[in-house]
Protein backbone atom coordinates (compact mmCIF):
# COMPACT_ATOMS: atom_id res chain seq x y z
CA MET A 1 176.69 81.37 -96.04
CA SER A 2 173.28 80.85 -97.63
CA GLU A 3 173.00 80.33 -101.36
CA GLN A 4 171.17 83.66 -101.77
CA THR A 5 173.84 85.52 -99.78
CA ALA A 6 176.60 83.90 -101.85
CA HIS A 7 174.80 84.88 -105.05
CA THR A 8 174.48 88.49 -103.86
CA LYS A 9 178.18 88.55 -102.90
CA LYS A 10 179.12 87.12 -106.30
CA ASP A 11 177.06 89.82 -108.03
CA LYS A 12 178.78 92.46 -105.94
CA MET A 13 182.15 90.94 -106.83
CA LEU A 14 181.33 90.95 -110.55
CA LYS A 15 180.35 94.63 -110.37
CA ALA A 16 183.61 95.37 -108.56
CA LEU A 17 185.57 93.47 -111.24
CA ASP A 18 183.88 95.63 -113.86
CA LYS A 19 184.90 98.82 -112.06
CA SER A 20 188.47 97.60 -111.48
CA LEU A 21 189.02 96.38 -115.06
CA GLY A 22 189.29 92.84 -113.77
CA VAL A 23 191.98 93.47 -111.14
CA VAL A 24 191.13 90.80 -108.57
CA THR A 25 192.75 92.29 -105.45
CA THR A 26 191.13 95.68 -106.03
CA ALA A 27 187.73 94.10 -106.75
CA CYS A 28 187.92 91.90 -103.66
CA LYS A 29 188.57 94.94 -101.48
CA MET A 30 185.71 96.85 -103.12
CA ALA A 31 183.28 93.94 -102.70
CA GLY A 32 184.43 92.87 -99.24
CA VAL A 33 185.28 89.39 -100.49
CA GLY A 34 188.41 87.49 -99.55
CA ARG A 35 190.74 86.40 -102.35
CA THR A 36 190.47 82.79 -101.16
CA THR A 37 186.69 82.95 -101.43
CA PHE A 38 186.95 84.50 -104.90
CA TYR A 39 189.20 81.69 -106.15
CA GLU A 40 186.93 79.04 -104.56
CA TRP A 41 183.98 80.52 -106.48
CA LEU A 42 186.11 80.54 -109.62
CA ASP A 43 186.92 76.82 -109.20
CA LYS A 44 183.40 75.68 -108.27
CA ASP A 45 181.00 77.93 -110.20
CA LEU A 46 181.34 77.69 -113.99
CA GLU A 47 178.86 80.52 -114.60
CA PHE A 48 180.84 82.81 -112.29
CA LYS A 49 184.10 81.76 -113.97
CA LYS A 50 182.67 82.56 -117.41
CA ALA A 51 181.61 86.03 -116.23
CA VAL A 52 185.08 86.67 -114.77
CA GLU A 53 186.73 85.60 -118.05
CA GLU A 54 184.54 88.09 -119.91
CA PHE A 55 185.87 90.89 -117.68
CA LYS A 56 189.41 89.86 -118.52
CA ASP A 57 188.62 90.12 -122.23
CA VAL A 58 187.00 93.53 -121.74
CA ALA A 59 190.05 94.73 -119.81
CA ILE A 60 192.37 93.61 -122.60
CA ASP A 61 190.15 95.34 -125.16
CA THR A 62 190.27 98.55 -123.11
CA VAL A 63 194.05 98.46 -122.83
CA GLU A 64 194.44 97.65 -126.54
CA SER A 65 192.31 100.70 -127.35
CA LYS A 66 194.66 102.87 -125.29
CA LEU A 67 197.63 101.32 -127.08
CA TYR A 68 196.09 102.13 -130.47
CA ASP A 69 195.51 105.72 -129.32
CA LEU A 70 199.19 106.03 -128.40
CA ILE A 71 200.23 104.58 -131.76
CA LYS A 72 197.99 107.07 -133.59
CA GLU A 73 199.65 109.88 -131.59
CA GLY A 74 203.04 108.75 -132.90
CA ASN A 75 204.30 107.17 -129.69
CA VAL A 76 207.36 105.21 -130.83
CA THR A 77 207.49 102.93 -127.78
CA ALA A 78 203.86 101.91 -128.26
CA THR A 79 204.49 101.27 -131.96
CA ILE A 80 207.55 99.10 -131.24
CA PHE A 81 205.66 97.17 -128.54
CA TYR A 82 202.78 96.52 -130.91
CA LEU A 83 205.08 95.26 -133.66
CA LYS A 84 206.99 93.01 -131.25
CA THR A 85 203.76 91.41 -130.02
CA LYS A 86 201.43 91.47 -133.01
CA GLY A 87 203.91 91.65 -135.89
CA LYS A 88 205.93 88.53 -135.10
CA LYS A 89 204.86 86.66 -138.21
CA ARG A 90 206.16 89.55 -140.32
CA GLY A 91 209.59 89.36 -138.74
CA TYR A 92 209.31 91.93 -135.95
CA ILE A 93 210.98 89.80 -133.28
CA GLU A 94 213.97 90.15 -131.00
CA ARG A 95 214.34 86.50 -130.19
CA GLN A 96 213.27 83.21 -131.67
CA GLU A 97 210.48 81.33 -129.89
CA ILE A 98 210.55 77.59 -130.31
CA ALA A 99 207.60 75.44 -129.31
CA HIS A 100 208.07 71.72 -128.78
CA GLU A 101 205.48 69.05 -128.26
CA GLY A 102 206.29 65.58 -127.08
CA VAL A 103 208.94 64.00 -124.92
CA LEU A 104 212.59 64.98 -124.90
CA GLU A 105 215.04 62.19 -124.28
CA SER A 106 218.61 62.66 -123.19
CA LYS A 107 221.49 60.35 -122.40
CA VAL A 108 224.44 60.99 -120.16
CA ILE A 109 227.63 59.82 -121.78
CA GLU A 110 230.60 59.37 -119.55
CA TRP A 111 233.78 60.80 -120.97
CA VAL A 112 236.96 58.95 -120.16
CA PRO A 113 240.17 60.66 -121.24
CA SER A 114 242.51 58.50 -123.27
CA LYS A 115 245.77 57.43 -121.66
CA GLU A 116 247.91 58.27 -124.68
C-alpha cells in the first residue's frame, strides 16, 4: 500500500471512529479497514495514535454528559453509579481498593505436627 493510500485510509478510519464514538470494530467496518491493520497503525504511527486517543476522550465526555442528564432527571441508578465512581474519596464505596507498589515476598513454612 502506498504512503498516500495509507494516509487516505487512516483519514477514513479517523472519520469512522468519530461517527462510531471510538468503537473500533464498528469504525473498521465503516472504513473498510481490518482490525489488525488498525492496531498496526496504532503501534507504528504516533500521530494516528494521538488522534485515536482524542476520540476516546470525546466518547467518554459524551457518555458522561448523558450520565449527568440522567442524574438531573432523578435517575437513582445513575446517581448511585456516579457516587460509586466519582465519590470514592468521600466514602461512597462498596469495597476497599488497595494499591501496592514494590515486591511482595513470601515464605513457605512447613508445618510438622507435634508427636505429643
